Protein backbone atom coordinates (compact mmCIF):
# COMPACT_ATOMS: atom_id res chain seq x y z
CA MET A 1 0.00 0.00 0.00
CA ARG A 2 1.30 3.43 -0.92
CA SER A 3 1.67 6.17 1.64
CA TYR A 4 0.68 9.66 0.61
CA PRO A 5 1.83 13.06 1.83
CA THR A 6 -0.16 14.55 4.69
CA ALA A 7 -1.49 17.32 2.46
CA PHE A 8 -3.48 14.75 0.50
CA THR A 9 -4.95 12.60 3.25
CA ASP A 10 -8.25 14.48 2.91
CA ILE A 11 -8.80 13.32 -0.69
CA HIS A 12 -11.79 10.98 -0.57
CA MET A 13 -12.03 7.92 -2.80
CA PHE A 14 -8.55 8.53 -4.17
CA ARG A 15 -7.94 4.91 -5.08
CA ALA A 16 -11.30 4.59 -6.83
CA LYS A 17 -10.28 7.35 -9.25
CA LEU A 18 -7.38 5.18 -10.45
CA ILE A 19 -9.20 1.88 -10.85
CA PRO A 20 -10.98 1.14 -14.12
CA PRO A 21 -14.57 -0.08 -13.82
CA LYS A 22 -15.25 -3.80 -13.82
CA PRO A 23 -15.97 -5.23 -17.27
CA THR A 24 -19.58 -5.65 -18.29
CA ARG A 25 -20.86 -9.22 -18.65
CA GLN A 26 -21.47 -9.09 -22.38
CA PRO A 27 -19.79 -5.98 -23.69
CA TYR A 28 -20.84 -4.73 -27.08
CA ILE A 29 -17.59 -4.46 -29.05
CA ARG A 30 -17.64 -1.36 -31.20
CA GLU A 31 -15.06 -2.40 -33.78
CA ARG A 32 -15.00 0.86 -35.72
CA LEU A 33 -14.29 2.84 -32.55
CA HIS A 34 -11.71 0.30 -31.37
CA ILE A 35 -9.88 0.78 -34.68
CA ARG A 36 -9.95 4.55 -34.18
CA LEU A 37 -8.66 4.18 -30.62
CA ASN A 38 -5.86 1.91 -31.86
CA GLN A 39 -4.78 4.78 -34.09
CA ALA A 40 -4.35 6.86 -30.92
CA TRP A 41 -0.96 5.21 -30.38
CA GLN A 42 0.33 7.33 -33.30
CA ARG A 43 -1.10 10.59 -31.97
CA THR A 44 -0.03 13.00 -29.27
CA ILE A 45 -3.49 13.28 -27.72
CA THR A 46 -6.86 11.66 -28.27
CA VAL A 47 -10.09 12.96 -26.78
CA VAL A 48 -13.20 10.81 -26.43
CA GLN A 49 -16.18 13.11 -26.06
CA ALA A 50 -19.91 12.34 -25.94
CA PRO A 51 -22.85 13.21 -23.70
CA SER A 52 -23.38 11.37 -20.45
CA GLY A 53 -24.69 7.84 -20.91
CA TYR A 54 -23.33 7.28 -24.42
CA GLY A 55 -20.91 4.54 -23.33
CA LYS A 56 -17.54 6.33 -23.24
CA THR A 57 -16.37 4.46 -20.14
CA VAL A 58 -17.54 1.06 -21.43
CA LEU A 59 -15.85 1.74 -24.77
CA LEU A 60 -12.54 2.77 -23.22
CA LYS A 61 -12.57 -0.09 -20.72
CA SER A 62 -13.28 -2.72 -23.38
CA TRP A 63 -10.56 -1.25 -25.61
CA ALA A 64 -8.03 -1.01 -22.74
CA ASP A 65 -8.65 -4.67 -21.85
CA HIS A 66 -7.29 -5.66 -25.28
CA GLN A 67 -4.10 -3.59 -25.14
CA LEU A 68 -0.66 -5.03 -24.46
CA GLN A 69 0.88 -1.68 -23.53
CA PRO A 70 0.49 -0.18 -20.04
CA ILE A 71 -2.48 2.15 -19.75
CA GLY A 72 -3.10 4.59 -16.93
CA TRP A 73 -6.68 5.22 -15.78
CA LEU A 74 -7.89 8.38 -14.07
CA ARG A 75 -11.48 9.42 -13.45
CA LEU A 76 -11.87 13.16 -13.25
CA ASP A 77 -14.58 15.15 -11.55
CA SER A 78 -15.28 18.83 -10.94
CA GLU A 79 -12.94 19.00 -7.93
CA ASP A 80 -9.97 18.04 -10.08
CA ASN A 81 -9.75 21.46 -11.71
CA GLU A 82 -7.18 22.60 -9.12
CA LEU A 83 -3.79 22.03 -10.78
CA ARG A 84 -1.93 20.69 -7.74
CA ARG A 85 -4.67 18.17 -6.98
CA PHE A 86 -4.90 17.13 -10.64
CA MET A 87 -1.11 16.64 -10.88
CA PHE A 88 -1.13 14.45 -7.78
CA TYR A 89 -3.82 12.21 -9.30
CA PHE A 90 -2.11 12.27 -12.69
CA LEU A 91 1.20 11.17 -11.17
CA HIS A 92 -0.40 8.14 -9.57
CA ALA A 93 -2.34 7.26 -12.72
CA LEU A 94 0.72 7.27 -14.98
CA PRO A 95 1.91 3.76 -15.80
CA LEU A 96 5.50 4.74 -15.07
CA PRO A 97 7.97 2.05 -14.02
CA SER A 98 9.13 3.84 -10.89
CA ASN A 99 9.99 2.65 -7.44
CA GLU A 100 8.02 3.65 -4.35
CA GLU A 101 10.77 6.01 -3.19
CA ARG A 102 10.68 8.00 -6.42
CA LEU A 103 6.86 8.07 -6.42
CA HIS A 104 6.85 9.29 -2.81
CA ASP A 105 9.42 11.98 -3.66
CA TRP A 106 7.30 13.23 -6.57
CA SER A 107 4.18 13.18 -4.38
CA GLU A 108 5.96 15.19 -1.68
CA ARG A 109 7.16 17.74 -4.22
CA ILE A 110 3.63 18.22 -5.56
CA SER A 111 2.13 18.48 -2.06
CA ARG A 112 4.58 21.25 -1.09
CA LEU A 113 3.77 23.44 -4.09
CA ASP A 114 2.17 26.81 -3.58
CA ARG A 115 0.73 28.98 -6.33
CA ASP A 116 3.99 30.95 -6.80
CA GLY A 117 6.19 27.88 -7.22
CA LEU A 118 3.68 25.78 -9.11
CA SER A 119 4.74 26.36 -12.73
CA PRO A 120 8.53 25.96 -12.37
CA GLU A 121 8.23 22.82 -10.24
CA LEU A 122 5.63 21.24 -12.52
CA GLU A 123 7.90 21.88 -15.50
CA SER A 124 10.70 20.12 -13.63
CA LEU A 125 8.47 17.17 -12.74
CA ALA A 126 7.13 16.92 -16.29
CA ALA A 127 10.70 16.91 -17.64
CA GLU A 128 11.56 14.01 -15.31
CA TRP A 129 8.45 12.07 -16.39
CA VAL A 130 9.15 12.65 -20.09
CA ALA A 131 12.80 11.59 -19.65
CA LEU A 132 11.65 8.39 -17.94
CA LEU A 133 9.11 7.67 -20.69
CA GLU A 134 11.72 8.26 -23.39
CA GLN A 135 13.92 5.57 -21.83
CA LEU A 136 11.19 2.98 -22.24
CA GLU A 137 10.98 0.86 -25.35
CA GLN A 138 7.21 0.64 -25.57
CA PRO A 139 4.50 3.30 -25.77
CA HIS A 140 2.30 4.14 -22.78
CA MET A 141 -1.16 5.60 -22.60
């Protein structure tokens, strides 16, 4: 079990935000959309957008279940619009091959950020994450 900095102990349901939903019993495979999502590996960013109830989560979960590459999962809600909070969640959702000590260090750095030091420190953290991803031999999503 991971330990989190004191500043984030008040985040409710933190772990649930990082766990994909359970698969449906008989998922409807939407082949055309799966093909489009497979093309996402060649793109910088892919956005799946539709009104509530149109099956975005079911689609992404069924597609992710068929991927060989590591995929991070993060559920966002209205409270995640604060940058420091979002970055903390994002860090723990990334499928980075890092040890617990490094993850704890990054978490501590994010928890100590104030508005004045936010941008420079986030740039530093992002540079470390990108450097780590560039060392890997397979894509991540």
